[in-house]
Amino acid sequence: MRRLTLMLFQLFLSIFAVYAVLYDVPNEYLFVPLTCLVAMFFLGRHPKAAPEKEFEGMLADT
């Protein structure tokens, strides 16, 4: 998965979390937004999501 794809999916999750809070999607104790935020956290920890890792690979190749 490319970095841009991960970032766009994180954006989708954040928009959905805000929508769920504002429009009261049937969620018991805000379970849906919490799940979205946890998924965003794990996507951010993905090795391809960090720009530093990508930059280090480019430096090692030269």
C-alpha atoms as a PDB file:
ATOM      1  CA  MET A   1       0.000   0.000   0.000  1.00  0.00           C
ATOM      2  CA  ARG A   2       1.331   3.422  -0.837  1.00  0.00           C
ATOM      3  CA  ARG A   3       1.678   6.231   1.684  1.00  0.00           C
ATOM      4  CA  LEU A   4      -0.960   8.357  -0.071  1.00  0.00           C
ATOM      5  CA  THR A   5      -3.484   5.518   0.129  1.00  0.00           C
ATOM      6  CA  LEU A   6      -2.877   5.135   3.864  1.00  0.00           C
ATOM      7  CA  MET A   7      -3.296   8.863   4.414  1.00  0.00           C
ATOM      8  CA  LEU A   8      -6.540   8.978   2.421  1.00  0.00           C
ATOM      9  CA  PHE A   9      -7.942   6.041   4.380  1.00  0.00           C
ATOM     10  CA  GLN A  10      -7.029   7.799   7.636  1.00  0.00           C
ATOM     11  CA  LEU A  11      -8.839  10.904   6.375  1.00  0.00           C
ATOM     12  CA  PHE A  12     -11.911   8.814   5.578  1.00  0.00           C
ATOM     13  CA  LEU A  13     -11.854   7.282   9.062  1.00  0.00           C
ATOM     14  CA  SER A  14     -11.565  10.687  10.719  1.00  0.00           C
ATOM     15  CA  ILE A  15     -14.460  12.109   8.685  1.00  0.00           C
ATOM     16  CA  PHE A  16     -16.591   9.082   9.525  1.00  0.00           C
ATOM     17  CA  ALA A  17     -15.736   9.398  13.234  1.00  0.00           C
ATOM     18  CA  VAL A  18     -16.792  13.059  13.275  1.00  0.00           C
ATOM     19  CA  TYR A  19     -19.975  12.209  11.359  1.00  0.00           C
ATOM     20  CA  ALA A  20     -20.809   9.457  13.851  1.00  0.00           C
ATOM     21  CA  VAL A  21     -20.441  11.859  16.779  1.00  0.00           C
ATOM     22  CA  LEU A  22     -22.391  14.727  15.212  1.00  0.00           C
ATOM     23  CA  TYR A  23     -25.274  12.776  13.704  1.00  0.00           C
ATOM     24  CA  ASP A  24     -25.585  10.105  16.388  1.00  0.00           C
ATOM     25  CA  VAL A  25     -25.040   6.987  14.344  1.00  0.00           C
ATOM     26  CA  PRO A  26     -26.374   4.136  16.474  1.00  0.00           C
ATOM     27  CA  ASN A  27     -23.286   3.609  18.564  1.00  0.00           C
ATOM     28  CA  GLU A  28     -23.308   2.457  22.123  1.00  0.00           C
ATOM     29  CA  TYR A  29     -21.012   4.663  24.190  1.00  0.00           C
ATOM     30  CA  LEU A  30     -19.272   6.105  21.102  1.00  0.00           C
ATOM     31  CA  PHE A  31     -17.921   2.735  20.010  1.00  0.00           C
ATOM     32  CA  VAL A  32     -17.787   3.603  16.295  1.00  0.00           C
ATOM     33  CA  PRO A  33     -15.644   6.768  16.648  1.00  0.00           C
ATOM     34  CA  LEU A  34     -13.350   5.035  19.115  1.00  0.00           C
ATOM     35  CA  THR A  35     -12.840   2.157  16.691  1.00  0.00           C
ATOM     36  CA  CYS A  36     -12.071   4.623  13.892  1.00  0.00           C
ATOM     37  CA  LEU A  37      -9.480   6.413  16.022  1.00  0.00           C
ATOM     38  CA  VAL A  38      -7.804   3.158  17.037  1.00  0.00           C
ATOM     39  CA  ALA A  39      -7.673   2.068  13.383  1.00  0.00           C
ATOM     40  CA  MET A  40      -6.133   5.441  12.456  1.00  0.00           C
ATOM     41  CA  PHE A  41      -3.485   4.937  15.131  1.00  0.00           C
ATOM     42  CA  PHE A  42      -2.516   1.502  13.820  1.00  0.00           C
ATOM     43  CA  LEU A  43      -2.481   2.728  10.228  1.00  0.00           C
ATOM     44  CA  GLY A  44      -0.154   5.540  11.266  1.00  0.00           C
ATOM     45  CA  ARG A  45       2.229   2.990  12.765  1.00  0.00           C
ATOM     46  CA  HIS A  46       2.402   1.065   9.485  1.00  0.00           C
ATOM     47  CA  PRO A  47       6.011   1.025   8.185  1.00  0.00           C
ATOM     48  CA  LYS A  48       5.075   2.620   4.870  1.00  0.00           C
ATOM     49  CA  ALA A  49       3.101   5.428   6.544  1.00  0.00           C
ATOM     50  CA  ALA A  50       6.174   7.083   8.059  1.00  0.00           C
ATOM     51  CA  PRO A  51       8.057   9.395   5.676  1.00  0.00           C
ATOM     52  CA  GLU A  52      11.341   8.900   7.579  1.00  0.00           C
ATOM     53  CA  LYS A  53      11.468   5.198   6.723  1.00  0.00           C
ATOM     54  CA  GLU A  54      10.950   5.950   3.050  1.00  0.00           C
ATOM     55  CA  PHE A  55      13.679   8.601   3.129  1.00  0.00           C
ATOM     56  CA  GLU A  56      16.137   6.268   4.858  1.00  0.00           C
ATOM     57  CA  GLY A  57      15.616   3.666   2.137  1.00  0.00           C
ATOM     58  CA  MET A  58      16.381   6.244  -0.519  1.00  0.00           C
ATOM     59  CA  LEU A  59      19.578   7.274   1.278  1.00  0.00           C
ATOM     60  CA  ALA A  60      20.730   3.673   1.620  1.00  0.00           C
ATOM     61  CA  ASP A  61      20.348   3.101  -2.126  1.00  0.00           C
ATOM     62  CA  THR A  62      22.609   5.980  -3.117  1.00  0.00           C
END
